[in-house]
């Protein structure tokens, strides 16, 4: 089962039946919100995802958990549940268009100075 989402800015929706489990790679500052049901979350060591839990917590309906590290998250449904996964913002990801706009001003000035020196 995969989380479903309409666009990158909307949260991914995940539905699990009682007893079902799901493992998800999460980014730093992601958030899990339980809409209905009850789930157990376990963080697994990112260097060894073969079941060394670092922490675990249980969430019920209308509770959420903010993840402070990236890594594997094991989700186990204790009851039928529905949850939302809010992916972290992509800080550090810079588009080429933005880089071009940032560099355009100084490059234009340098080009004008070079042209004046050539004439």
PDB file of N, CA and C in Angstrom:
ATOM      1  N   UNK A   1       0.848  -1.176   0.000  1.00  0.00           N
ATOM      2  CA  UNK A   1       0.000   0.000   0.000  1.00  0.00           C
ATOM      3  C   UNK A   1       0.887   1.230   0.000  1.00  0.00           C
ATOM      4  N   UNK A   2       0.607   2.183  -0.855  1.00  0.00           N
ATOM      5  CA  UNK A   2       1.379   3.415  -0.939  1.00  0.00           C
ATOM      6  C   UNK A   2       0.526   4.581  -0.471  1.00  0.00           C
ATOM      7  N   UNK A   3       1.171   5.581   0.165  1.00  0.00           N
ATOM      8  CA  UNK A   3       0.411   6.784   0.496  1.00  0.00           C
ATOM      9  C   UNK A   3      -0.045   7.449  -0.796  1.00  0.00           C
ATOM     10  N   UNK A   4      -1.228   8.011  -0.806  1.00  0.00           N
ATOM     11  CA  UNK A   4      -1.715   8.692  -2.003  1.00  0.00           C
ATOM     12  C   UNK A   4      -1.738  10.188  -1.766  1.00  0.00           C
ATOM     13  N   UNK A   5      -1.363  10.932  -2.782  1.00  0.00           N
ATOM     14  CA  UNK A   5      -1.339  12.386  -2.686  1.00  0.00           C
ATOM     15  C   UNK A   5      -1.669  12.986  -4.044  1.00  0.00           C
ATOM     16  N   UNK A   6      -2.263  14.161  -4.046  1.00  0.00           N
ATOM     17  CA  UNK A   6      -2.618  14.826  -5.295  1.00  0.00           C
ATOM     18  C   UNK A   6      -1.466  15.660  -5.839  1.00  0.00           C
ATOM     19  N   UNK A   7      -0.726  16.302  -4.979  1.00  0.00           N
ATOM     20  CA  UNK A   7       0.400  17.122  -5.401  1.00  0.00           C
ATOM     21  C   UNK A   7       1.409  17.157  -4.262  1.00  0.00           C
ATOM     22  N   UNK A   8       2.642  17.609  -4.534  1.00  0.00           N
ATOM     23  CA  UNK A   8       3.651  17.616  -3.483  1.00  0.00           C
ATOM     24  C   UNK A   8       3.297  18.489  -2.286  1.00  0.00           C
ATOM     25  N   UNK A   9       2.423  19.480  -2.459  1.00  0.00           N
ATOM     26  CA  UNK A   9       2.106  20.379  -1.352  1.00  0.00           C
ATOM     27  C   UNK A   9       0.995  19.835  -0.452  1.00  0.00           C
ATOM     28  N   UNK A  10       0.303  18.782  -0.870  1.00  0.00           N
ATOM     29  CA  UNK A  10      -0.756  18.211  -0.046  1.00  0.00           C
ATOM     30  C   UNK A  10      -0.218  16.995   0.699  1.00  0.00           C
ATOM     31  N   UNK A  11      -0.782  16.680   1.855  1.00  0.00           N
ATOM     32  CA  UNK A  11      -0.288  15.528   2.610  1.00  0.00           C
ATOM     33  C   UNK A  11      -0.664  14.207   1.931  1.00  0.00           C
ATOM     34  N   UNK A  12       0.162  13.199   2.154  1.00  0.00           N
ATOM     35  CA  UNK A  12      -0.143  11.853   1.657  1.00  0.00           C
ATOM     36  C   UNK A  12      -1.093  11.185   2.639  1.00  0.00           C
ATOM     37  N   UNK A  13      -2.095  10.504   2.118  1.00  0.00           N
ATOM     38  CA  UNK A  13      -3.100   9.829   2.954  1.00  0.00           C
ATOM     39  C   UNK A  13      -2.797   8.332   2.937  1.00  0.00           C
ATOM     40  N   UNK A  14      -2.806   7.732   4.127  1.00  0.00           N
ATOM     41  CA  UNK A  14      -2.502   6.316   4.258  1.00  0.00           C
ATOM     42  C   UNK A  14      -3.589   5.657   5.107  1.00  0.00           C
ATOM     43  N   UNK A  15      -4.143   4.559   4.604  1.00  0.00           N
ATOM     44  CA  UNK A  15      -5.165   3.804   5.341  1.00  0.00           C
ATOM     45  C   UNK A  15      -4.612   2.411   5.627  1.00  0.00           C
ATOM     46  N   UNK A  16      -4.718   1.992   6.882  1.00  0.00           N
ATOM     47  CA  UNK A  16      -4.250   0.675   7.283  1.00  0.00           C
ATOM     48  C   UNK A  16      -5.345  -0.051   8.060  1.00  0.00           C
ATOM     49  N   UNK A  17      -5.441  -1.347   7.860  1.00  0.00           N
ATOM     50  CA  UNK A  17      -6.365  -2.185   8.633  1.00  0.00           C
ATOM     51  C   UNK A  17      -5.677  -2.593   9.931  1.00  0.00           C
ATOM     52  N   UNK A  18      -6.457  -2.988  10.906  1.00  0.00           N
ATOM     53  CA  UNK A  18      -5.912  -3.444  12.187  1.00  0.00           C
ATOM     54  C   UNK A  18      -4.917  -4.583  11.952  1.00  0.00           C
ATOM     55  N   UNK A  19      -3.725  -4.455  12.515  1.00  0.00           N
ATOM     56  CA  UNK A  19      -2.697  -5.472  12.348  1.00  0.00           C
ATOM     57  C   UNK A  19      -1.770  -5.251  11.167  1.00  0.00           C
ATOM     58  N   UNK A  20      -2.132  -4.381  10.237  1.00  0.00           N
ATOM     59  CA  UNK A  20      -1.289  -4.097   9.084  1.00  0.00           C
ATOM     60  C   UNK A  20      -0.106  -3.233   9.494  1.00  0.00           C
ATOM     61  N   UNK A  21       1.010  -3.399   8.789  1.00  0.00           N
ATOM     62  CA  UNK A  21       2.187  -2.565   9.044  1.00  0.00           C
ATOM     63  C   UNK A  21       2.642  -1.920   7.748  1.00  0.00           C
ATOM     64  N   UNK A  22       3.399  -0.851   7.895  1.00  0.00           N
ATOM     65  CA  UNK A  22       3.906  -0.115   6.737  1.00  0.00           C
ATOM     66  C   UNK A  22       5.227   0.513   7.141  1.00  0.00           C
ATOM     67  N   UNK A  23       6.223   0.427   6.282  1.00  0.00           N
ATOM     68  CA  UNK A  23       7.513   1.050   6.541  1.00  0.00           C
ATOM     69  C   UNK A  23       7.699   2.195   5.554  1.00  0.00           C
ATOM     70  N   UNK A  24       8.081   3.355   6.085  1.00  0.00           N
ATOM     71  CA  UNK A  24       8.138   4.579   5.291  1.00  0.00           C
ATOM     72  C   UNK A  24       9.444   5.302   5.547  1.00  0.00           C
ATOM     73  N   UNK A  25      10.117   5.736   4.470  1.00  0.00           N
ATOM     74  CA  UNK A  25      11.315   6.572   4.608  1.00  0.00           C
ATOM     75  C   UNK A  25      10.838   8.007   4.772  1.00  0.00           C
ATOM     76  N   UNK A  26      11.225   8.642   5.861  1.00  0.00           N
ATOM     77  CA  UNK A  26      10.765   9.999   6.138  1.00  0.00           C
ATOM     78  C   UNK A  26      11.937  10.967   6.140  1.00  0.00           C
ATOM     79  N   UNK A  27      11.633  12.194   5.820  1.00  0.00           N
ATOM     80  CA  UNK A  27      12.634  13.241   5.882  1.00  0.00           C
ATOM     81  C   UNK A  27      12.579  13.960   7.216  1.00  0.00           C
ATOM     82  N   UNK A  28      13.605  14.730   7.480  1.00  0.00           N
ATOM     83  CA  UNK A  28      13.640  15.518   8.714  1.00  0.00           C
ATOM     84  C   UNK A  28      12.510  16.542   8.700  1.00  0.00           C
ATOM     85  N   UNK A  29      11.865  16.745   9.826  1.00  0.00           N
ATOM     86  CA  UNK A  29      10.759  17.683  10.016  1.00  0.00           C
ATOM     87  C   UNK A  29       9.461  17.254   9.331  1.00  0.00           C
ATOM     88  N   UNK A  30       9.325  15.980   9.005  1.00  0.00           N
ATOM     89  CA  UNK A  30       8.051  15.469   8.493  1.00  0.00           C
ATOM     90  C   UNK A  30       7.077  15.353   9.669  1.00  0.00           C
ATOM     91  N   UNK A  31       5.794  15.218   9.355  1.00  0.00           N
ATOM     92  CA  UNK A  31       4.798  15.090  10.406  1.00  0.00           C
ATOM     93  C   UNK A  31       3.790  14.007  10.033  1.00  0.00           C
ATOM     94  N   UNK A  32       3.410  13.211  11.033  1.00  0.00           N
ATOM     95  CA  UNK A  32       2.372  12.187  10.885  1.00  0.00           C
ATOM     96  C   UNK A  32       1.195  12.623  11.737  1.00  0.00           C
ATOM     97  N   UNK A  33      -0.002  12.666  11.151  1.00  0.00           N
ATOM     98  CA  UNK A  33      -1.212  13.010  11.898  1.00  0.00           C
ATOM     99  C   UNK A  33      -2.220  11.883  11.738  1.00  0.00           C
ATOM    100  N   UNK A  34      -2.734  11.390  12.853  1.00  0.00           N
ATOM    101  CA  UNK A  34      -3.718  10.305  12.827  1.00  0.00           C
ATOM    102  C   UNK A  34      -5.110  10.923  12.758  1.00  0.00           C
ATOM    103  N   UNK A  35      -5.860  10.568  11.728  1.00  0.00           N
ATOM    104  CA  UNK A  35      -7.223  11.070  11.545  1.00  0.00           C
ATOM    105  C   UNK A  35      -8.205  10.210  12.344  1.00  0.00           C
ATOM    106  N   UNK A  36      -8.040   8.891  12.227  1.00  0.00           N
ATOM    107  CA  UNK A  36      -8.918   7.977  12.975  1.00  0.00           C
ATOM    108  C   UNK A  36      -8.125   6.730  13.318  1.00  0.00           C
ATOM    109  N   UNK A  37      -8.537   6.036  14.377  1.00  0.00           N
ATOM    110  CA  UNK A  37      -7.892   4.794  14.762  1.00  0.00           C
ATOM    111  C   UNK A  37      -6.736   5.005  15.724  1.00  0.00           C
ATOM    112  N   UNK A  38      -5.870   4.000  15.762  1.00  0.00           N
ATOM    113  CA  UNK A  38      -4.736   4.017  16.681  1.00  0.00           C
ATOM    114  C   UNK A  38      -3.555   3.335  16.007  1.00  0.00           C
ATOM    115  N   UNK A  39      -2.376   3.974  16.044  1.00  0.00           N
ATOM    116  CA  UNK A  39      -1.173   3.409  15.419  1.00  0.00           C
ATOM    117  C   UNK A  39       0.006   3.457  16.385  1.00  0.00           C
ATOM    118  N   UNK A  40       0.947   2.556  16.154  1.00  0.00           N
ATOM    119  CA  UNK A  40       2.211   2.568  16.876  1.00  0.00           C
ATOM    120  C   UNK A  40       3.306   2.933  15.884  1.00  0.00           C
ATOM    121  N   UNK A  41       4.081   3.947  16.199  1.00  0.00           N
ATOM    122  CA  UNK A  41       5.184   4.391  15.351  1.00  0.00           C
ATOM    123  C   UNK A  41       6.492   3.976  15.998  1.00  0.00           C
ATOM    124  N   UNK A  42       7.398   3.428  15.187  1.00  0.00           N
ATOM    125  CA  UNK A  42       8.727   3.079  15.666  1.00  0.00           C
ATOM    126  C   UNK A  42       9.744   3.618  14.688  1.00  0.00           C
ATOM    127  N   UNK A  43      10.698   4.362  15.201  1.00  0.00           N
ATOM    128  CA  UNK A  43      11.797   4.836  14.375  1.00  0.00           C
ATOM    129  C   UNK A  43      12.856   3.748  14.351  1.00  0.00           C
ATOM    130  N   UNK A  44      13.366   3.449  13.171  1.00  0.00           N
ATOM    131  CA  UNK A  44      14.365   2.396  13.006  1.00  0.00           C
ATOM    132  C   UNK A  44      15.679   3.059  12.625  1.00  0.00           C
ATOM    133  N   UNK A  45      16.774   2.553  13.146  1.00  0.00           N
ATOM    134  CA  UNK A  45      18.090   3.123  12.842  1.00  0.00           C
ATOM    135  C   UNK A  45      18.309   3.195  11.346  1.00  0.00           C
ATOM    136  N   UNK A  46      18.686   4.371  10.847  1.00  0.00           N
ATOM    137  CA  UNK A  46      18.818   4.537   9.400  1.00  0.00           C
ATOM    138  C   UNK A  46      20.019   3.783   8.850  1.00  0.00           C
ATOM    139  N   UNK A  47      21.035   3.523   9.661  1.00  0.00           N
ATOM    140  CA  UNK A  47      22.206   2.791   9.202  1.00  0.00           C
ATOM    141  C   UNK A  47      21.987   1.286   9.237  1.00  0.00           C
ATOM    142  N   UNK A  48      20.956   0.840   9.944  1.00  0.00           N
ATOM    143  CA  UNK A  48      20.652  -0.586  10.014  1.00  0.00           C
ATOM    144  C   UNK A  48      19.141  -0.767  10.142  1.00  0.00           C
ATOM    145  N   UNK A  49      18.409  -0.755   9.031  1.00  0.00           N
ATOM    146  CA  UNK A  49      16.953  -0.839   9.111  1.00  0.00           C
ATOM    147  C   UNK A  49      16.427  -2.235   9.422  1.00  0.00           C
ATOM    148  N   UNK A  50      17.246  -3.109   9.965  1.00  0.00           N
ATOM    149  CA  UNK A  50      16.800  -4.476  10.225  1.00  0.00           C
ATOM    150  C   UNK A  50      16.270  -4.657  11.643  1.00  0.00           C
ATOM    151  N   UNK A  51      15.602  -3.690  12.142  1.00  0.00           N
ATOM    152  CA  UNK A  51      14.850  -3.753  13.395  1.00  0.00           C
ATOM    153  C   UNK A  51      15.633  -3.459  14.658  1.00  0.00           C
ATOM    154  N   UNK A  52      16.215  -2.312  14.729  1.00  0.00           N
ATOM    155  CA  UNK A  52      16.755  -1.799  15.986  1.00  0.00           C
ATOM    156  C   UNK A  52      15.994  -0.517  16.286  1.00  0.00           C
ATOM    157  N   UNK A  53      14.858  -0.596  16.976  1.00  0.00           N
ATOM    158  CA  UNK A  53      14.075   0.615  17.194  1.00  0.00           C
ATOM    159  C   UNK A  53      14.822   1.621  18.066  1.00  0.00           C
ATOM    160  N   UNK A  54      14.777   2.879  17.675  1.00  0.00           N
ATOM    161  CA  UNK A  54      15.392   3.954  18.438  1.00  0.00           C
ATOM    162  C   UNK A  54      14.369   4.509  19.427  1.00  0.00           C
ATOM    163  N   UNK A  55      13.155   4.732  18.976  1.00  0.00           N
ATOM    164  CA  UNK A  55      12.064   5.212  19.832  1.00  0.00           C
ATOM    165  C   UNK A  55      10.753   4.668  19.304  1.00  0.00           C
ATOM    166  N   UNK A  56       9.754   4.675  20.143  1.00  0.00           N
ATOM    167  CA  UNK A  56       8.414   4.291  19.686  1.00  0.00           C
ATOM    168  C   UNK A  56       7.376   5.069  20.479  1.00  0.00           C
ATOM    169  N   UNK A  57       6.238   5.290  19.839  1.00  0.00           N
ATOM    170  CA  UNK A  57       5.132   5.993  20.468  1.00  0.00           C
ATOM    171  C   UNK A  57       3.830   5.481  19.881  1.00  0.00           C
ATOM    172  N   UNK A  58       2.759   5.654  20.612  1.00  0.00           N
ATOM    173  CA  UNK A  58       1.430   5.275  20.135  1.00  0.00           C
ATOM    174  C   UNK A  58       0.601   6.543  19.987  1.00  0.00           C
ATOM    175  N   UNK A  59      -0.048   6.660  18.841  1.00  0.00           N
ATOM    176  CA  UNK A  59      -0.901   7.820  18.570  1.00  0.00           C
ATOM    177  C   UNK A  59      -2.333   7.370  18.360  1.00  0.00           C
ATOM    178  N   UNK A  60      -3.271   8.171  18.861  1.00  0.00           N
ATOM    179  CA  UNK A  60      -4.692   7.925  18.648  1.00  0.00           C
ATOM    180  C   UNK A  60      -5.243   9.008  17.740  1.00  0.00           C
ATOM    181  N   UNK A  61      -6.529   8.919  17.444  1.00  0.00           N
ATOM    182  CA  UNK A  61      -7.180   9.890  16.558  1.00  0.00           C
ATOM    183  C   UNK A  61      -6.917  11.310  17.037  1.00  0.00           C
ATOM    184  N   UNK A  62      -6.652  12.184  16.076  1.00  0.00           N
ATOM    185  CA  UNK A  62      -6.420  13.609  16.281  1.00  0.00           C
ATOM    186  C   UNK A  62      -5.124  13.929  17.017  1.00  0.00           C
ATOM    187  N   UNK A  63      -4.190  12.997  17.057  1.00  0.00           N
ATOM    188  CA  UNK A  63      -2.863  13.264  17.605  1.00  0.00           C
ATOM    189  C   UNK A  63      -1.858  13.275  16.467  1.00  0.00           C
ATOM    190  N   UNK A  64      -0.721  13.931  16.693  1.00  0.00           N
ATOM    191  CA  UNK A  64       0.296  13.979  15.647  1.00  0.00           C
ATOM    192  C   UNK A  64       1.684  13.801  16.254  1.00  0.00           C
ATOM    193  N   UNK A  65       2.650  13.554  15.378  1.00  0.00           N
ATOM    194  CA  UNK A  65       4.039  13.369  15.782  1.00  0.00           C
ATOM    195  C   UNK A  65       4.926  14.092  14.781  1.00  0.00           C
ATOM    196  N   UNK A  66       5.769  14.985  15.271  1.00  0.00           N
ATOM    197  CA  UNK A  66       6.735  15.696  14.428  1.00  0.00           C
ATOM    198  C   UNK A  66       8.039  14.909  14.468  1.00  0.00           C
ATOM    199  N   UNK A  67       8.563  14.533  13.314  1.00  0.00           N
ATOM    200  CA  UNK A  67       9.784  13.728  13.240  1.00  0.00           C
ATOM    201  C   UNK A  67      10.992  14.652  13.143  1.00  0.00           C
ATOM    202  N   UNK A  68      11.962  14.451  14.014  1.00  0.00           N
ATOM    203  CA  UNK A  68      13.098  15.372  14.050  1.00  0.00           C
ATOM    204  C   UNK A  68      14.302  14.882  13.254  1.00  0.00           C
ATOM    205  N   UNK A  69      14.264  13.633  12.776  1.00  0.00           N
ATOM    206  CA  UNK A  69      15.351  13.085  11.978  1.00  0.00           C
ATOM    207  C   UNK A  69      14.789  12.390  10.750  1.00  0.00           C
ATOM    208  N   UNK A  70      15.629  12.241   9.743  1.00  0.00           N
ATOM    209  CA  UNK A  70      15.208  11.421   8.605  1.00  0.00           C
ATOM    210  C   UNK A  70      15.547   9.972   8.930  1.00  0.00           C
ATOM    211  N   UNK A  71      14.869   9.064   8.286  1.00  0.00           N
ATOM    212  CA  UNK A  71      15.125   7.647   8.496  1.00  0.00           C
ATOM    213  C   UNK A  71      13.872   6.820   8.265  1.00  0.00           C
ATOM    214  N   UNK A  72      13.974   5.540   8.554  1.00  0.00           N
ATOM    215  CA  UNK A  72      12.845   4.631   8.380  1.00  0.00           C
ATOM    216  C   UNK A  72      11.889   4.753   9.541  1.00  0.00           C
ATOM    217  N   UNK A  73      10.605   4.742   9.230  1.00  0.00           N
ATOM    218  CA  UNK A  73       9.556   4.785  10.242  1.00  0.00           C
ATOM    219  C   UNK A  73       8.657   3.570  10.024  1.00  0.00           C
ATOM    220  N   UNK A  74       8.506   2.763  11.046  1.00  0.00           N
ATOM    221  CA  UNK A  74       7.655   1.582  10.985  1.00  0.00           C
ATOM    222  C   UNK A  74       6.310   1.953  11.609  1.00  0.00           C
ATOM    223  N   UNK A  75       5.235   1.802  10.844  1.00  0.00           N
ATOM    224  CA  UNK A  75       3.886   2.151  11.294  1.00  0.00           C
ATOM    225  C   UNK A  75       3.092   0.863  11.438  1.00  0.00           C
ATOM    226  N   UNK A  76       2.556   0.613  12.626  1.00  0.00           N
ATOM    227  CA  UNK A  76       1.748  -0.587  12.881  1.00  0.00           C
ATOM    228  C   UNK A  76       0.373  -0.149  13.358  1.00  0.00           C
ATOM    229  N   UNK A  77      -0.667  -0.578  12.654  1.00  0.00           N
ATOM    230  CA  UNK A  77      -2.039  -0.207  13.011  1.00  0.00           C
ATOM    231  C   UNK A  77      -2.552  -1.113  14.119  1.00  0.00           C
ATOM    232  N   UNK A  78      -2.912  -0.524  15.243  1.00  0.00           N
ATOM    233  CA  UNK A  78      -3.513  -1.295  16.334  1.00  0.00           C
ATOM    234  C   UNK A  78      -5.025  -1.386  16.144  1.00  0.00           C
ATOM    235  N   UNK A  79      -5.594  -0.445  15.404  1.00  0.00           N
ATOM    236  CA  UNK A  79      -7.005  -0.445  14.986  1.00  0.00           C
ATOM    237  C   UNK A  79      -7.022   0.021  13.534  1.00  0.00           C
ATOM    238  N   UNK A  80      -8.149  -0.179  12.837  1.00  0.00           N
ATOM    239  CA  UNK A  80      -8.270   0.404  11.505  1.00  0.00           C
ATOM    240  C   UNK A  80      -7.987   1.889  11.635  1.00  0.00           C
ATOM    241  N   UNK A  81      -7.134   2.409  10.761  1.00  0.00           N
ATOM    242  CA  UNK A  81      -6.759   3.812  10.931  1.00  0.00           C
ATOM    243  C   UNK A  81      -6.566   4.502   9.588  1.00  0.00           C
ATOM    244  N   UNK A  82      -6.596   5.800   9.669  1.00  0.00           N
ATOM    245  CA  UNK A  82      -6.302   6.662   8.527  1.00  0.00           C
ATOM    246  C   UNK A  82      -5.374   7.743   9.043  1.00  0.00           C
ATOM    247  N   UNK A  83      -4.283   7.966   8.321  1.00  0.00           N
ATOM    248  CA  UNK A  83      -3.349   8.999   8.758  1.00  0.00           C
ATOM    249  C   UNK A  83      -2.852   9.814   7.587  1.00  0.00           C
ATOM    250  N   UNK A  84      -2.329  10.983   7.922  1.00  0.00           N
ATOM    251  CA  UNK A  84      -1.769  11.890   6.925  1.00  0.00           C
ATOM    252  C   UNK A  84      -0.278  12.019   7.172  1.00  0.00           C
ATOM    253  N   UNK A  85       0.500  11.991   6.082  1.00  0.00           N
ATOM    254  CA  UNK A  85       1.937  12.173   6.159  1.00  0.00           C
ATOM    255  C   UNK A  85       2.270  13.487   5.466  1.00  0.00           C
ATOM    256  N   UNK A  86       2.753  14.434   6.235  1.00  0.00           N
ATOM    257  CA  UNK A  86       3.170  15.723   5.690  1.00  0.00           C
ATOM    258  C   UNK A  86       4.669  15.659   5.450  1.00  0.00           C
ATOM    259  N   UNK A  87       5.060  15.660   4.188  1.00  0.00           N
ATOM    260  CA  UNK A  87       6.482  15.610   3.847  1.00  0.00           C
ATOM    261  C   UNK A  87       7.163  16.892   4.303  1.00  0.00           C
ATOM    262  N   UNK A  88       8.441  16.797   4.615  1.00  0.00           N
ATOM    263  CA  UNK A  88       9.151  18.003   5.058  1.00  0.00           C
ATOM    264  C   UNK A  88       9.356  18.974   3.901  1.00  0.00           C
ATOM    265  N   UNK A  89       9.480  20.264   4.203  1.00  0.00           N
ATOM    266  CA  UNK A  89       9.784  21.212   3.141  1.00  0.00           C
ATOM    267  C   UNK A  89      11.164  20.913   2.582  1.00  0.00           C
ATOM    268  N   UNK A  90      11.360  21.200   1.341  1.00  0.00           N
ATOM    269  CA  UNK A  90      12.643  20.898   0.703  1.00  0.00           C
ATOM    270  C   UNK A  90      13.614  22.062   0.839  1.00  0.00           C
ATOM    271  N   UNK A  91      13.992  22.345   2.045  1.00  0.00           N
ATOM    272  CA  UNK A  91      15.015  23.369   2.256  1.00  0.00           C
ATOM    273  C   UNK A  91      16.315  22.822   1.701  1.00  0.00           C
ATOM    274  N   UNK A  92      17.078  23.649   1.091  1.00  0.00           N
ATOM    275  CA  UNK A  92      18.321  23.179   0.514  1.00  0.00           C
ATOM    276  C   UNK A  92      18.180  22.825  -0.957  1.00  0.00           C
ATOM    277  N   UNK A  93      16.959  22.642  -1.418  1.00  0.00           N
ATOM    278  CA  UNK A  93      16.751  22.384  -2.834  1.00  0.00           C
ATOM    279  C   UNK A  93      16.544  23.727  -3.523  1.00  0.00           C
ATOM    280  N   UNK A  94      17.449  24.091  -4.403  1.00  0.00           N
ATOM    281  CA  UNK A  94      17.383  25.379  -5.074  1.00  0.00           C
ATOM    282  C   UNK A  94      17.214  25.118  -6.564  1.00  0.00           C
ATOM    283  N   UNK A  95      16.277  25.802  -7.182  1.00  0.00           N
ATOM    284  CA  UNK A  95      16.045  25.590  -8.611  1.00  0.00           C
ATOM    285  C   UNK A  95      17.084  26.347  -9.433  1.00  0.00           C
ATOM    286  N   UNK A  96      17.302  25.852 -10.643  1.00  0.00           N
ATOM    287  CA  UNK A  96      18.242  26.529 -11.541  1.00  0.00           C
ATOM    288  C   UNK A  96      17.737  27.909 -11.916  1.00  0.00           C
ATOM    289  N   UNK A  97      16.428  28.074 -12.027  1.00  0.00           N
ATOM    290  CA  UNK A  97      15.867  29.392 -12.353  1.00  0.00           C
ATOM    291  C   UNK A  97      16.205  30.395 -11.255  1.00  0.00           C
ATOM    292  N   UNK A  98      16.092  29.978 -10.005  1.00  0.00           N
ATOM    293  CA  UNK A  98      16.428  30.868  -8.904  1.00  0.00           C
ATOM    294  C   UNK A  98      17.904  31.224  -8.933  1.00  0.00           C
ATOM    295  N   UNK A  99      18.757  30.242  -9.171  1.00  0.00           N
ATOM    296  CA  UNK A  99      20.194  30.525  -9.260  1.00  0.00           C
ATOM    297  C   UNK A  99      20.482  31.505 -10.390  1.00  0.00           C
ATOM    298  N   UNK A 100      19.805  31.331 -11.515  1.00  0.00           N
ATOM    299  CA  UNK A 100      19.994  32.245 -12.641  1.00  0.00           C
ATOM    300  C   UNK A 100      19.590  33.668 -12.290  1.00  0.00           C
ATOM    301  N   UNK A 101      18.452  33.811 -11.600  1.00  0.00           N
ATOM    302  CA  UNK A 101      18.015  35.159 -11.202  1.00  0.00           C
ATOM    303  C   UNK A 101      18.969  35.780 -10.208  1.00  0.00           C
ATOM    304  N   UNK A 102      19.480  34.978  -9.271  1.00  0.00           N
ATOM    305  CA  UNK A 102      20.410  35.506  -8.282  1.00  0.00           C
ATOM    306  C   UNK A 102      21.732  35.940  -8.916  1.00  0.00           C
ATOM    307  N   UNK A 103      22.175  35.204  -9.923  1.00  0.00           N
ATOM    308  CA  UNK A 103      23.455  35.513 -10.557  1.00  0.00           C
ATOM    309  C   UNK A 103      23.338  36.563 -11.650  1.00  0.00           C
ATOM    310  N   UNK A 104      22.138  36.830 -12.148  1.00  0.00           N
ATOM    311  CA  UNK A 104      21.962  37.728 -13.294  1.00  0.00           C
ATOM    312  C   UNK A 104      22.447  39.144 -13.011  1.00  0.00           C
ATOM    313  N   UNK A 105      22.111  39.699 -11.854  1.00  0.00           N
ATOM    314  CA  UNK A 105      22.507  41.075 -11.540  1.00  0.00           C
ATOM    315  C   UNK A 105      24.012  41.263 -11.540  1.00  0.00           C
ATOM    316  N   UNK A 106      24.769  40.520 -10.744  1.00  0.00           N
ATOM    317  CA  UNK A 106      26.222  40.683 -10.742  1.00  0.00           C
ATOM    318  C   UNK A 106      26.858  40.362 -12.082  1.00  0.00           C
ATOM    319  N   UNK A 107      26.335  39.378 -12.815  1.00  0.00           N
ATOM    320  CA  UNK A 107      26.896  39.055 -14.126  1.00  0.00           C
ATOM    321  C   UNK A 107      26.685  40.185 -15.120  1.00  0.00           C
ATOM    322  N   UNK A 108      25.483  40.802 -15.088  1.00  0.00           N
ATOM    323  CA  UNK A 108      25.233  41.945 -15.978  1.00  0.00           C
ATOM    324  C   UNK A 108      26.198  43.089 -15.684  1.00  0.00           C
ATOM    325  N   UNK A 109      26.385  43.385 -14.396  1.00  0.00           N
ATOM    326  CA  UNK A 109      27.307  44.463 -14.030  1.00  0.00           C
ATOM    327  C   UNK A 109      28.726  44.142 -14.474  1.00  0.00           C
ATOM    328  N   UNK A 110      29.166  42.906 -14.277  1.00  0.00           N
ATOM    329  CA  UNK A 110      30.515  42.509 -14.698  1.00  0.00           C
ATOM    330  C   UNK A 110      30.650  42.590 -16.214  1.00  0.00           C
ATOM    331  N   UNK A 111      29.604  42.220 -16.950  1.00  0.00           N
ATOM    332  CA  UNK A 111      29.626  42.293 -18.417  1.00  0.00           C
ATOM    333  C   UNK A 111      29.762  43.742 -18.879  1.00  0.00           C
ATOM    334  N   UNK A 112      29.016  44.649 -18.243  1.00  0.00           N
ATOM    335  CA  UNK A 112      29.100  46.072 -18.608  1.00  0.00           C
ATOM    336  C   UNK A 112      30.493  46.633 -18.327  1.00  0.00           C
ATOM    337  N   UNK A 113      31.064  46.275 -17.193  1.00  0.00           N
ATOM    338  CA  UNK A 113      32.420  46.750 -16.867  1.00  0.00           C
ATOM    339  C   UNK A 113      33.409  46.226 -17.888  1.00  0.00           C
ATOM    340  N   UNK A 114      33.295  44.953 -18.247  1.00  0.00           N
ATOM    341  CA  UNK A 114      34.196  44.363 -19.230  1.00  0.00           C
ATOM    342  C   UNK A 114      34.058  45.063 -20.593  1.00  0.00           C
ATOM    343  N   UNK A 115      32.791  45.347 -21.008  1.00  0.00           N
ATOM    344  CA  UNK A 115      32.563  46.028 -22.280  1.00  0.00           C
ATOM    345  C   UNK A 115      33.162  47.421 -22.270  1.00  0.00           C
ATOM    346  N   UNK A 116      33.030  48.143 -21.145  1.00  0.00           N
ATOM    347  CA  UNK A 116      33.594  49.491 -21.072  1.00  0.00           C
ATOM    348  C   UNK A 116      35.119  49.437 -21.158  1.00  0.00           C
ATOM    349  N   UNK A 117      35.740  48.463 -20.587  1.00  0.00           N
ATOM    350  CA  UNK A 117      37.204  48.339 -20.641  1.00  0.00           C
ATOM    351  C   UNK A 117      37.672  47.982 -22.045  1.00  0.00           C
ATOM    352  N   UNK A 118      36.844  47.262 -22.789  1.00  0.00           N
ATOM    353  CA  UNK A 118      37.211  46.845 -24.150  1.00  0.00           C
ATOM    354  C   UNK A 118      37.108  48.008 -25.131  1.00  0.00           C
ATOM    355  N   UNK A 119      36.279  48.996 -24.832  1.00  0.00           N
ATOM    356  CA  UNK A 119      36.081  50.097 -25.797  1.00  0.00           C
ATOM    357  C   UNK A 119      36.972  51.269 -25.524  1.00  0.00           C
TER     358      UNK A 119
END
